[in-house]
């Protein structure tokens, strides 16, 4: 089947978009989607990802098209992402005609939440200078303010030679994450994997 996912991230430049796609591709491959990989597009800005998704959905040229964006705010019901995006004051996005909730994946509350959830991979990646105790508690981590999560990740790695920052470095660590750790901690990740397994008919 033909499947495509439009992703928030990568900025406006080609290098950033390549890094974004590579990071998410590695994460999906490690999650069991080798041989069933959807096409991935790094759309840059958040609204651009929504617009790209909407245009592709309305063109009806793919069997399955999805949108992957930060939730930015805590999500009331992870199974109703369109409600979240409609009600969020800085989005107010309308659900395109005939679109369904299983076409939207939210990183609650941001990509850094996913990164901060895999402590073992972070320790292996950053090594000397990494301060795990600067990260937020894993308890209800998807409810944490996204700015706080981002700041804590920067603080935890500030003494590392490869300190965390958005861009190539962020997507490099994303691609190394252990999906099992994310499944344990993140309802949003579990939901995304469940739906993609169904849509892409991947054998487990």
C-alpha atoms as a PDB file:
ATOM      1  CA  UNK A   1       0.000   0.000   0.000  1.00  0.00           C
ATOM      2  CA  UNK A   2       1.039   3.621  -0.409  1.00  0.00           C
ATOM      3  CA  UNK A   3       1.412   5.452   2.892  1.00  0.00           C
ATOM      4  CA  UNK A   4       2.866   8.836   3.818  1.00  0.00           C
ATOM      5  CA  UNK A   5       3.428  10.685   7.090  1.00  0.00           C
ATOM      6  CA  UNK A   6       3.947  14.452   7.264  1.00  0.00           C
ATOM      7  CA  UNK A   7       6.111  15.394  10.238  1.00  0.00           C
ATOM      8  CA  UNK A   8       6.557  18.651  12.112  1.00  0.00           C
ATOM      9  CA  UNK A   9      10.277  19.431  12.169  1.00  0.00           C
ATOM     10  CA  UNK A  10      13.407  19.855  10.138  1.00  0.00           C
ATOM     11  CA  UNK A  11      13.216  23.601   9.596  1.00  0.00           C
ATOM     12  CA  UNK A  12      13.340  25.202   6.169  1.00  0.00           C
ATOM     13  CA  UNK A  13      16.686  23.853   5.052  1.00  0.00           C
ATOM     14  CA  UNK A  14      17.383  20.625   3.176  1.00  0.00           C
ATOM     15  CA  UNK A  15      19.939  19.363   5.726  1.00  0.00           C
ATOM     16  CA  UNK A  16      17.507  19.719   8.617  1.00  0.00           C
ATOM     17  CA  UNK A  17      14.752  17.971   6.714  1.00  0.00           C
ATOM     18  CA  UNK A  18      17.082  15.102   5.803  1.00  0.00           C
ATOM     19  CA  UNK A  19      18.113  14.731   9.461  1.00  0.00           C
ATOM     20  CA  UNK A  20      14.482  14.802  10.591  1.00  0.00           C
ATOM     21  CA  UNK A  21      13.439  12.091   8.166  1.00  0.00           C
ATOM     22  CA  UNK A  22      16.468   9.977   9.071  1.00  0.00           C
ATOM     23  CA  UNK A  23      15.734  10.184  12.793  1.00  0.00           C
ATOM     24  CA  UNK A  24      12.105   9.180  12.464  1.00  0.00           C
ATOM     25  CA  UNK A  25      12.946   6.510   9.893  1.00  0.00           C
ATOM     26  CA  UNK A  26      15.404   4.890  12.308  1.00  0.00           C
ATOM     27  CA  UNK A  27      12.863   5.026  15.121  1.00  0.00           C
ATOM     28  CA  UNK A  28      10.196   3.381  12.969  1.00  0.00           C
ATOM     29  CA  UNK A  29      12.582   0.767  11.627  1.00  0.00           C
ATOM     30  CA  UNK A  30      13.586  -0.123  15.178  1.00  0.00           C
ATOM     31  CA  UNK A  31       9.877  -0.364  16.008  1.00  0.00           C
ATOM     32  CA  UNK A  32       9.377  -3.160  13.489  1.00  0.00           C
ATOM     33  CA  UNK A  33       8.450  -1.352  10.292  1.00  0.00           C
ATOM     34  CA  UNK A  34      11.349  -2.505   8.123  1.00  0.00           C
ATOM     35  CA  UNK A  35       9.904  -3.409   4.726  1.00  0.00           C
ATOM     36  CA  UNK A  36       6.660  -1.572   5.476  1.00  0.00           C
ATOM     37  CA  UNK A  37       8.057   1.915   5.851  1.00  0.00           C
ATOM     38  CA  UNK A  38       5.730   4.777   4.906  1.00  0.00           C
ATOM     39  CA  UNK A  39       7.164   7.726   3.003  1.00  0.00           C
ATOM     40  CA  UNK A  40       8.248  10.391   5.467  1.00  0.00           C
ATOM     41  CA  UNK A  41       8.165  14.117   4.769  1.00  0.00           C
ATOM     42  CA  UNK A  42       9.690  16.700   7.102  1.00  0.00           C
ATOM     43  CA  UNK A  43       7.428  19.699   6.644  1.00  0.00           C
ATOM     44  CA  UNK A  44       9.316  22.146   8.823  1.00  0.00           C
ATOM     45  CA  UNK A  45       6.930  24.382  10.711  1.00  0.00           C
ATOM     46  CA  UNK A  46       3.941  22.969  12.540  1.00  0.00           C
ATOM     47  CA  UNK A  47       1.322  24.657  10.367  1.00  0.00           C
ATOM     48  CA  UNK A  48       3.176  23.546   7.239  1.00  0.00           C
ATOM     49  CA  UNK A  49       2.853  19.931   8.336  1.00  0.00           C
ATOM     50  CA  UNK A  50      -0.900  20.369   8.765  1.00  0.00           C
ATOM     51  CA  UNK A  51      -1.226  22.068   5.375  1.00  0.00           C
ATOM     52  CA  UNK A  52       0.841  19.352   3.671  1.00  0.00           C
ATOM     53  CA  UNK A  53      -1.289  16.664   5.300  1.00  0.00           C
ATOM     54  CA  UNK A  54      -4.521  18.380   4.316  1.00  0.00           C
ATOM     55  CA  UNK A  55      -3.480  18.760   0.690  1.00  0.00           C
ATOM     56  CA  UNK A  56      -2.382  15.132   0.444  1.00  0.00           C
ATOM     57  CA  UNK A  57      -5.562  13.915   2.135  1.00  0.00           C
ATOM     58  CA  UNK A  58      -7.769  15.933  -0.188  1.00  0.00           C
ATOM     59  CA  UNK A  59      -5.839  14.772  -3.252  1.00  0.00           C
ATOM     60  CA  UNK A  60      -6.634  11.186  -2.235  1.00  0.00           C
ATOM     61  CA  UNK A  61      -3.529   9.823  -3.950  1.00  0.00           C
ATOM     62  CA  UNK A  62      -2.285   7.649  -1.076  1.00  0.00           C
ATOM     63  CA  UNK A  63      -3.926   4.689   0.621  1.00  0.00           C
ATOM     64  CA  UNK A  64      -3.050   6.147   4.000  1.00  0.00           C
ATOM     65  CA  UNK A  65      -1.824   9.618   4.957  1.00  0.00           C
ATOM     66  CA  UNK A  66      -0.994  10.738   8.484  1.00  0.00           C
ATOM     67  CA  UNK A  67       0.186  13.782  10.409  1.00  0.00           C
ATOM     68  CA  UNK A  68       2.766  13.685  13.238  1.00  0.00           C
ATOM     69  CA  UNK A  69       3.095  16.844  15.355  1.00  0.00           C
ATOM     70  CA  UNK A  70       3.852  17.916  18.899  1.00  0.00           C
ATOM     71  CA  UNK A  71       0.774  18.251  21.053  1.00  0.00           C
ATOM     72  CA  UNK A  72       2.415  21.333  22.661  1.00  0.00           C
ATOM     73  CA  UNK A  73      -0.073  21.065  25.552  1.00  0.00           C
ATOM     74  CA  UNK A  74      -1.137  18.026  27.616  1.00  0.00           C
ATOM     75  CA  UNK A  75      -3.750  15.943  25.815  1.00  0.00           C
ATOM     76  CA  UNK A  76      -7.087  15.186  27.455  1.00  0.00           C
ATOM     77  CA  UNK A  77      -7.837  12.143  25.291  1.00  0.00           C
ATOM     78  CA  UNK A  78      -4.968  10.781  23.211  1.00  0.00           C
ATOM     79  CA  UNK A  79      -7.482   8.866  21.061  1.00  0.00           C
ATOM     80  CA  UNK A  80      -9.100  12.127  19.929  1.00  0.00           C
ATOM     81  CA  UNK A  81      -6.240  14.162  18.457  1.00  0.00           C
ATOM     82  CA  UNK A  82      -8.448  16.227  16.155  1.00  0.00           C
ATOM     83  CA  UNK A  83     -10.373  17.509  19.183  1.00  0.00           C
ATOM     84  CA  UNK A  84      -7.076  18.548  20.750  1.00  0.00           C
ATOM     85  CA  UNK A  85      -5.900  20.370  17.626  1.00  0.00           C
ATOM     86  CA  UNK A  86      -9.272  22.050  17.144  1.00  0.00           C
ATOM     87  CA  UNK A  87      -9.542  23.226  20.755  1.00  0.00           C
ATOM     88  CA  UNK A  88      -5.945  24.328  21.203  1.00  0.00           C
ATOM     89  CA  UNK A  89      -6.013  28.131  20.989  1.00  0.00           C
ATOM     90  CA  UNK A  90      -2.787  28.422  18.988  1.00  0.00           C
ATOM     91  CA  UNK A  91      -3.962  25.888  16.399  1.00  0.00           C
ATOM     92  CA  UNK A  92      -7.735  25.861  15.889  1.00  0.00           C
ATOM     93  CA  UNK A  93      -7.212  23.364  13.089  1.00  0.00           C
ATOM     94  CA  UNK A  94     -10.264  22.051  11.321  1.00  0.00           C
ATOM     95  CA  UNK A  95     -10.429  18.341  10.597  1.00  0.00           C
ATOM     96  CA  UNK A  96     -10.455  17.889   6.812  1.00  0.00           C
ATOM     97  CA  UNK A  97     -13.548  16.264   5.370  1.00  0.00           C
ATOM     98  CA  UNK A  98     -13.510  12.474   5.806  1.00  0.00           C
ATOM     99  CA  UNK A  99     -10.321  12.589   7.897  1.00  0.00           C
ATOM    100  CA  UNK A 100     -10.247  10.334  10.963  1.00  0.00           C
ATOM    101  CA  UNK A 101      -8.485  10.350  14.307  1.00  0.00           C
ATOM    102  CA  UNK A 102      -6.238   7.475  13.268  1.00  0.00           C
ATOM    103  CA  UNK A 103      -4.587   9.829  10.770  1.00  0.00           C
ATOM    104  CA  UNK A 104      -3.058  12.017  13.477  1.00  0.00           C
ATOM    105  CA  UNK A 105      -0.249  11.185  15.897  1.00  0.00           C
ATOM    106  CA  UNK A 106       0.637  13.572  18.713  1.00  0.00           C
ATOM    107  CA  UNK A 107       4.003  13.701  20.433  1.00  0.00           C
ATOM    108  CA  UNK A 108       2.762  14.597  23.884  1.00  0.00           C
ATOM    109  CA  UNK A 109       3.832  17.123  24.690  1.00  0.00           C
ATOM    110  CA  UNK A 110       6.820  17.412  22.351  1.00  0.00           C
ATOM    111  CA  UNK A 111       9.562  15.364  20.699  1.00  0.00           C
ATOM    112  CA  UNK A 112      11.807  16.069  23.683  1.00  0.00           C
ATOM    113  CA  UNK A 113       9.317  14.224  25.883  1.00  0.00           C
ATOM    114  CA  UNK A 114       9.968  11.105  23.824  1.00  0.00           C
ATOM    115  CA  UNK A 115      13.722  11.631  24.043  1.00  0.00           C
ATOM    116  CA  UNK A 116      13.671  12.253  27.796  1.00  0.00           C
ATOM    117  CA  UNK A 117      11.711   9.027  28.332  1.00  0.00           C
ATOM    118  CA  UNK A 118      14.586   6.733  27.333  1.00  0.00           C
ATOM    119  CA  UNK A 119      17.138   7.262  30.097  1.00  0.00           C
ATOM    120  CA  UNK A 120      19.357   4.297  29.209  1.00  0.00           C
ATOM    121  CA  UNK A 121      19.880   5.490  25.627  1.00  0.00           C
ATOM    122  CA  UNK A 122      20.549   9.027  26.825  1.00  0.00           C
ATOM    123  CA  UNK A 123      23.251   7.807  29.220  1.00  0.00           C
ATOM    124  CA  UNK A 124      24.915   5.768  26.471  1.00  0.00           C
ATOM    125  CA  UNK A 125      24.742   8.622  23.979  1.00  0.00           C
ATOM    126  CA  UNK A 126      25.938  11.493  26.182  1.00  0.00           C
ATOM    127  CA  UNK A 127      28.235   9.613  28.572  1.00  0.00           C
ATOM    128  CA  UNK A 128      30.510  11.930  30.550  1.00  0.00           C
ATOM    129  CA  UNK A 129      28.826  15.028  31.879  1.00  0.00           C
ATOM    130  CA  UNK A 130      25.262  13.790  31.511  1.00  0.00           C
ATOM    131  CA  UNK A 131      23.091  14.705  34.521  1.00  0.00           C
ATOM    132  CA  UNK A 132      20.101  12.376  34.613  1.00  0.00           C
ATOM    133  CA  UNK A 133      18.719  14.000  37.752  1.00  0.00           C
ATOM    134  CA  UNK A 134      18.088  17.207  35.771  1.00  0.00           C
ATOM    135  CA  UNK A 135      15.398  15.443  33.741  1.00  0.00           C
ATOM    136  CA  UNK A 136      11.728  15.446  34.808  1.00  0.00           C
ATOM    137  CA  UNK A 137      10.226  12.483  36.584  1.00  0.00           C
ATOM    138  CA  UNK A 138       8.975   9.755  34.284  1.00  0.00           C
ATOM    139  CA  UNK A 139       5.731   9.760  36.233  1.00  0.00           C
ATOM    140  CA  UNK A 140       3.136  11.461  33.998  1.00  0.00           C
ATOM    141  CA  UNK A 141       5.897  12.832  31.783  1.00  0.00           C
ATOM    142  CA  UNK A 142       3.380  13.394  28.951  1.00  0.00           C
ATOM    143  CA  UNK A 143       1.620  15.945  31.162  1.00  0.00           C
ATOM    144  CA  UNK A 144       4.734  18.047  31.697  1.00  0.00           C
ATOM    145  CA  UNK A 145       4.992  21.528  30.158  1.00  0.00           C
ATOM    146  CA  UNK A 146       6.868  21.232  26.873  1.00  0.00           C
ATOM    147  CA  UNK A 147       9.113  24.200  27.633  1.00  0.00           C
ATOM    148  CA  UNK A 148      10.109  22.614  30.946  1.00  0.00           C
ATOM    149  CA  UNK A 149      10.959  19.313  29.258  1.00  0.00           C
ATOM    150  CA  UNK A 150      13.069  21.051  26.624  1.00  0.00           C
ATOM    151  CA  UNK A 151      14.909  23.128  29.231  1.00  0.00           C
ATOM    152  CA  UNK A 152      15.563  20.086  31.417  1.00  0.00           C
ATOM    153  CA  UNK A 153      17.078  18.164  28.503  1.00  0.00           C
ATOM    154  CA  UNK A 154      19.367  21.096  27.718  1.00  0.00           C
ATOM    155  CA  UNK A 155      20.364  21.343  31.381  1.00  0.00           C
ATOM    156  CA  UNK A 156      21.033  17.598  31.672  1.00  0.00           C
ATOM    157  CA  UNK A 157      23.441  17.686  28.718  1.00  0.00           C
ATOM    158  CA  UNK A 158      24.986  21.150  28.989  1.00  0.00           C
ATOM    159  CA  UNK A 159      28.339  19.738  30.175  1.00  0.00           C
ATOM    160  CA  UNK A 160      28.481  17.142  27.386  1.00  0.00           C
ATOM    161  CA  UNK A 161      30.543  17.835  24.266  1.00  0.00           C
ATOM    162  CA  UNK A 162      27.456  17.029  22.160  1.00  0.00           C
ATOM    163  CA  UNK A 163      24.946  18.950  24.297  1.00  0.00           C
ATOM    164  CA  UNK A 164      21.347  18.633  23.192  1.00  0.00           C
ATOM    165  CA  UNK A 165      19.956  21.168  20.775  1.00  0.00           C
ATOM    166  CA  UNK A 166      17.244  21.162  18.166  1.00  0.00           C
ATOM    167  CA  UNK A 167      18.293  20.159  14.691  1.00  0.00           C
ATOM    168  CA  UNK A 168      20.721  17.480  13.617  1.00  0.00           C
ATOM    169  CA  UNK A 169      21.667  16.554  17.188  1.00  0.00           C
ATOM    170  CA  UNK A 170      18.069  16.135  18.292  1.00  0.00           C
ATOM    171  CA  UNK A 171      17.241  13.854  15.361  1.00  0.00           C
ATOM    172  CA  UNK A 172      20.425  11.845  15.887  1.00  0.00           C
ATOM    173  CA  UNK A 173      19.379  10.886  19.410  1.00  0.00           C
ATOM    174  CA  UNK A 174      15.781  10.342  18.279  1.00  0.00           C
ATOM    175  CA  UNK A 175      16.977   7.681  15.854  1.00  0.00           C
ATOM    176  CA  UNK A 176      18.785   5.841  18.645  1.00  0.00           C
ATOM    177  CA  UNK A 177      15.830   5.602  21.026  1.00  0.00           C
ATOM    178  CA  UNK A 178      14.690   2.199  22.222  1.00  0.00           C
ATOM    179  CA  UNK A 179      11.025   1.726  21.208  1.00  0.00           C
ATOM    180  CA  UNK A 180      10.467  -0.625  24.153  1.00  0.00           C
ATOM    181  CA  UNK A 181      11.322   2.187  26.572  1.00  0.00           C
ATOM    182  CA  UNK A 182       8.961   4.559  24.779  1.00  0.00           C
ATOM    183  CA  UNK A 183       6.144   2.015  24.810  1.00  0.00           C
ATOM    184  CA  UNK A 184       6.574   1.618  28.547  1.00  0.00           C
ATOM    185  CA  UNK A 185       6.326   5.327  29.289  1.00  0.00           C
ATOM    186  CA  UNK A 186       4.292   6.956  26.518  1.00  0.00           C
ATOM    187  CA  UNK A 187       0.647   6.403  25.654  1.00  0.00           C
ATOM    188  CA  UNK A 188       1.100   8.514  22.497  1.00  0.00           C
ATOM    189  CA  UNK A 189       3.882   6.275  21.218  1.00  0.00           C
ATOM    190  CA  UNK A 190       1.919   3.107  21.992  1.00  0.00           C
ATOM    191  CA  UNK A 191      -1.020   4.522  20.071  1.00  0.00           C
ATOM    192  CA  UNK A 192       1.076   5.450  17.049  1.00  0.00           C
ATOM    193  CA  UNK A 193       2.667   2.013  16.852  1.00  0.00           C
ATOM    194  CA  UNK A 194      -0.686   0.258  17.269  1.00  0.00           C
ATOM    195  CA  UNK A 195      -2.333   2.222  14.472  1.00  0.00           C
ATOM    196  CA  UNK A 196       0.624   1.936  12.095  1.00  0.00           C
ATOM    197  CA  UNK A 197       0.793  -1.819  12.650  1.00  0.00           C
ATOM    198  CA  UNK A 198      -2.857  -2.012  11.674  1.00  0.00           C
ATOM    199  CA  UNK A 199      -2.661   0.364   8.720  1.00  0.00           C
ATOM    200  CA  UNK A 200       0.562  -1.009   7.286  1.00  0.00           C
ATOM    201  CA  UNK A 201      -0.315  -4.633   8.073  1.00  0.00           C
ATOM    202  CA  UNK A 202       3.021  -5.344   9.736  1.00  0.00           C
ATOM    203  CA  UNK A 203       3.354  -8.801  11.249  1.00  0.00           C
ATOM    204  CA  UNK A 204       4.450  -8.790  14.887  1.00  0.00           C
END
